[in-house]
Amino acid sequence: MAEYKPHLDVIFENAEQLMWQLSAKDGYFTNYTFLRRACQKHQGAYASLLKTILDDRGDDYLFNLAHQSIGNTLSSTAKKAGYEQDKDSGIMEVNIWGDPEKAVVYRRTERVQQPK
């Protein structure tokens, strides 16, 4: 199996700062807002992750596999930073295909500290 971690490491550079920025207004951010902003900022790493998955697994569910890897990394990174996951928030967003989907929400807790 191919190694996705190097690409994820780049996508998650300054992840705590991005989570802080995304949650500044309302105290939370969604998996989709994080995905869009992080992958836009690190387009090369995102494209490399997609290419690695394509070469390793083929094009069946390519984006699903990539976004699952990013989502799993986000879940653990956000938890370490003090954000609490809320899968039942009822907040809807659109996925990469433009279909409405329930978002995973990450809420600030008292453990979240502004990154340096």
C-alpha atoms as a PDB file:
ATOM      1  CA  MET A   1       0.000   0.000   0.000  1.00  0.00           C
ATOM      2  CA  ALA A   2       1.257   3.448  -0.886  1.00  0.00           C
ATOM      3  CA  GLU A   3       2.283   5.984   1.720  1.00  0.00           C
ATOM      4  CA  TYR A   4      -0.163   8.896   2.034  1.00  0.00           C
ATOM      5  CA  LYS A   5       1.411  10.491   5.109  1.00  0.00           C
ATOM      6  CA  PRO A   6       3.934  12.746   3.320  1.00  0.00           C
ATOM      7  CA  HIS A   7       1.124  14.383   1.349  1.00  0.00           C
ATOM      8  CA  LEU A   8      -1.115  14.650   4.399  1.00  0.00           C
ATOM      9  CA  ASP A   9       1.740  16.215   6.377  1.00  0.00           C
ATOM     10  CA  VAL A  10       1.931  19.032   3.832  1.00  0.00           C
ATOM     11  CA  ILE A  11      -1.856  19.487   3.671  1.00  0.00           C
ATOM     12  CA  PHE A  12      -1.896  19.711   7.470  1.00  0.00           C
ATOM     13  CA  GLU A  13       0.948  22.225   7.774  1.00  0.00           C
ATOM     14  CA  ASN A  14      -0.367  24.961  10.046  1.00  0.00           C
ATOM     15  CA  ALA A  15      -3.612  23.014  10.569  1.00  0.00           C
ATOM     16  CA  GLU A  16      -4.089  24.425  14.058  1.00  0.00           C
ATOM     17  CA  GLN A  17      -3.810  27.968  12.713  1.00  0.00           C
ATOM     18  CA  LEU A  18      -6.365  27.187   9.995  1.00  0.00           C
ATOM     19  CA  MET A  19      -8.764  25.576  12.496  1.00  0.00           C
ATOM     20  CA  TRP A  20      -8.405  28.647  14.706  1.00  0.00           C
ATOM     21  CA  GLN A  21      -9.174  30.988  11.794  1.00  0.00           C
ATOM     22  CA  LEU A  22     -12.132  28.942  10.589  1.00  0.00           C
ATOM     23  CA  SER A  23     -13.662  28.774  14.072  1.00  0.00           C
ATOM     24  CA  ALA A  24     -12.972  32.388  15.055  1.00  0.00           C
ATOM     25  CA  LYS A  25     -16.413  33.747  14.222  1.00  0.00           C
ATOM     26  CA  ASP A  26     -18.790  31.035  15.450  1.00  0.00           C
ATOM     27  CA  GLY A  27     -16.583  28.789  17.602  1.00  0.00           C
ATOM     28  CA  TYR A  28     -16.697  25.924  15.129  1.00  0.00           C
ATOM     29  CA  PHE A  29     -15.689  24.825  11.654  1.00  0.00           C
ATOM     30  CA  THR A  30     -16.784  21.969   9.418  1.00  0.00           C
ATOM     31  CA  ASN A  31     -14.841  19.210   7.756  1.00  0.00           C
ATOM     32  CA  TYR A  32     -15.799  20.660   4.366  1.00  0.00           C
ATOM     33  CA  THR A  33     -14.553  24.186   5.095  1.00  0.00           C
ATOM     34  CA  PHE A  34     -11.277  22.768   6.367  1.00  0.00           C
ATOM     35  CA  LEU A  35     -10.921  20.482   3.342  1.00  0.00           C
ATOM     36  CA  ARG A  36     -11.553  23.298   0.863  1.00  0.00           C
ATOM     37  CA  ARG A  37      -9.165  25.759   2.492  1.00  0.00           C
ATOM     38  CA  ALA A  38      -6.343  23.316   3.276  1.00  0.00           C
ATOM     39  CA  CYS A  39      -6.421  21.690  -0.161  1.00  0.00           C
ATOM     40  CA  GLN A  40      -6.656  25.044  -1.907  1.00  0.00           C
ATOM     41  CA  LYS A  41      -3.613  26.274   0.001  1.00  0.00           C
ATOM     42  CA  HIS A  42      -1.657  23.072  -0.634  1.00  0.00           C
ATOM     43  CA  GLN A  43      -2.844  22.167  -4.111  1.00  0.00           C
ATOM     44  CA  GLY A  44       0.363  20.347  -5.039  1.00  0.00           C
ATOM     45  CA  ALA A  45       0.156  18.042  -2.014  1.00  0.00           C
ATOM     46  CA  TYR A  46      -3.537  17.447  -2.668  1.00  0.00           C
ATOM     47  CA  ALA A  47      -2.843  16.575  -6.320  1.00  0.00           C
ATOM     48  CA  SER A  48       0.036  14.315  -5.229  1.00  0.00           C
ATOM     49  CA  LEU A  49      -2.232  12.554  -2.736  1.00  0.00           C
ATOM     50  CA  LEU A  50      -4.806  11.974  -5.476  1.00  0.00           C
ATOM     51  CA  LYS A  51      -2.096  10.686  -7.840  1.00  0.00           C
ATOM     52  CA  THR A  52      -0.698   8.353  -5.178  1.00  0.00           C
ATOM     53  CA  ILE A  53      -4.153   6.911  -4.514  1.00  0.00           C
ATOM     54  CA  LEU A  54      -4.846   6.638  -8.244  1.00  0.00           C
ATOM     55  CA  ASP A  55      -1.590   4.739  -8.796  1.00  0.00           C
ATOM     56  CA  ASP A  56      -2.152   2.541  -5.742  1.00  0.00           C
ATOM     57  CA  ARG A  57      -5.891   1.856  -5.858  1.00  0.00           C
ATOM     58  CA  GLY A  58      -7.149   2.947  -9.275  1.00  0.00           C
ATOM     59  CA  ASP A  59      -9.848   5.477  -9.979  1.00  0.00           C
ATOM     60  CA  ASP A  60     -12.686   3.697  -8.156  1.00  0.00           C
ATOM     61  CA  TYR A  61     -13.673   6.025  -5.328  1.00  0.00           C
ATOM     62  CA  LEU A  62     -10.509   8.109  -5.809  1.00  0.00           C
ATOM     63  CA  PHE A  63     -11.869  11.286  -4.203  1.00  0.00           C
ATOM     64  CA  ASN A  64     -13.701   9.345  -1.493  1.00  0.00           C
ATOM     65  CA  LEU A  65     -10.473   7.599  -0.473  1.00  0.00           C
ATOM     66  CA  ALA A  66      -8.499  10.859  -0.511  1.00  0.00           C
ATOM     67  CA  HIS A  67     -11.110  12.744   1.482  1.00  0.00           C
ATOM     68  CA  GLN A  68     -11.459   9.858   3.925  1.00  0.00           C
ATOM     69  CA  SER A  69      -7.702  10.032   4.553  1.00  0.00           C
ATOM     70  CA  ILE A  70      -7.899  13.791   5.046  1.00  0.00           C
ATOM     71  CA  GLY A  71     -10.975  13.421   7.273  1.00  0.00           C
ATOM     72  CA  ASN A  72      -9.290  10.815   9.482  1.00  0.00           C
ATOM     73  CA  THR A  73      -6.245  13.041   9.855  1.00  0.00           C
ATOM     74  CA  LEU A  74      -8.453  16.044  10.590  1.00  0.00           C
ATOM     75  CA  SER A  75     -10.325  14.113  13.263  1.00  0.00           C
ATOM     76  CA  SER A  76      -7.166  13.207  15.174  1.00  0.00           C
ATOM     77  CA  THR A  77      -5.489  16.596  14.628  1.00  0.00           C
ATOM     78  CA  ALA A  78      -8.549  18.529  15.799  1.00  0.00           C
ATOM     79  CA  LYS A  79      -8.947  16.315  18.854  1.00  0.00           C
ATOM     80  CA  LYS A  80      -5.303  16.869  19.835  1.00  0.00           C
ATOM     81  CA  ALA A  81      -5.825  20.627  19.426  1.00  0.00           C
ATOM     82  CA  GLY A  82      -8.837  20.541  21.768  1.00  0.00           C
ATOM     83  CA  TYR A  83     -11.736  20.618  19.317  1.00  0.00           C
ATOM     84  CA  GLU A  84     -14.767  18.458  19.990  1.00  0.00           C
ATOM     85  CA  GLN A  85     -16.389  16.589  17.118  1.00  0.00           C
ATOM     86  CA  ASP A  86     -20.139  16.926  16.585  1.00  0.00           C
ATOM     87  CA  LYS A  87     -21.460  14.559  13.914  1.00  0.00           C
ATOM     88  CA  ASP A  88     -25.099  15.350  14.751  1.00  0.00           C
ATOM     89  CA  SER A  89     -25.074  19.126  14.323  1.00  0.00           C
ATOM     90  CA  GLY A  90     -27.518  19.061  11.428  1.00  0.00           C
ATOM     91  CA  ILE A  91     -25.344  21.455   9.437  1.00  0.00           C
ATOM     92  CA  MET A  92     -25.506  20.634   5.745  1.00  0.00           C
ATOM     93  CA  GLU A  93     -22.866  21.487   3.159  1.00  0.00           C
ATOM     94  CA  VAL A  94     -22.091  20.309  -0.335  1.00  0.00           C
ATOM     95  CA  ASN A  95     -19.507  17.657  -1.091  1.00  0.00           C
ATOM     96  CA  ILE A  96     -17.017  17.737  -3.956  1.00  0.00           C
ATOM     97  CA  TRP A  97     -19.729  16.617  -6.371  1.00  0.00           C
ATOM     98  CA  GLY A  98     -22.150  19.362  -5.320  1.00  0.00           C
ATOM     99  CA  ASP A  99     -24.416  16.991  -3.408  1.00  0.00           C
ATOM    100  CA  PRO A 100     -25.781  18.085  -0.017  1.00  0.00           C
ATOM    101  CA  GLU A 101     -24.296  16.151   2.856  1.00  0.00           C
ATOM    102  CA  LYS A 102     -24.304  16.414   6.622  1.00  0.00           C
ATOM    103  CA  ALA A 103     -21.084  18.056   7.781  1.00  0.00           C
ATOM    104  CA  VAL A 104     -18.908  16.976  10.664  1.00  0.00           C
ATOM    105  CA  VAL A 105     -18.564  19.976  12.955  1.00  0.00           C
ATOM    106  CA  TYR A 106     -15.523  20.666  15.129  1.00  0.00           C
ATOM    107  CA  ARG A 107     -16.305  22.934  18.083  1.00  0.00           C
ATOM    108  CA  ARG A 108     -13.820  24.816  20.209  1.00  0.00           C
ATOM    109  CA  THR A 109     -13.498  23.712  23.804  1.00  0.00           C
ATOM    110  CA  GLU A 110     -11.772  25.422  26.694  1.00  0.00           C
ATOM    111  CA  ARG A 111      -8.632  23.417  25.803  1.00  0.00           C
ATOM    112  CA  VAL A 112      -8.208  25.162  22.429  1.00  0.00           C
ATOM    113  CA  GLN A 113      -5.393  27.680  22.528  1.00  0.00           C
ATOM    114  CA  GLN A 114      -4.573  30.258  19.883  1.00  0.00           C
ATOM    115  CA  PRO A 115      -1.655  28.876  17.861  1.00  0.00           C
ATOM    116  CA  LYS A 116       1.570  30.824  17.818  1.00  0.00           C
END
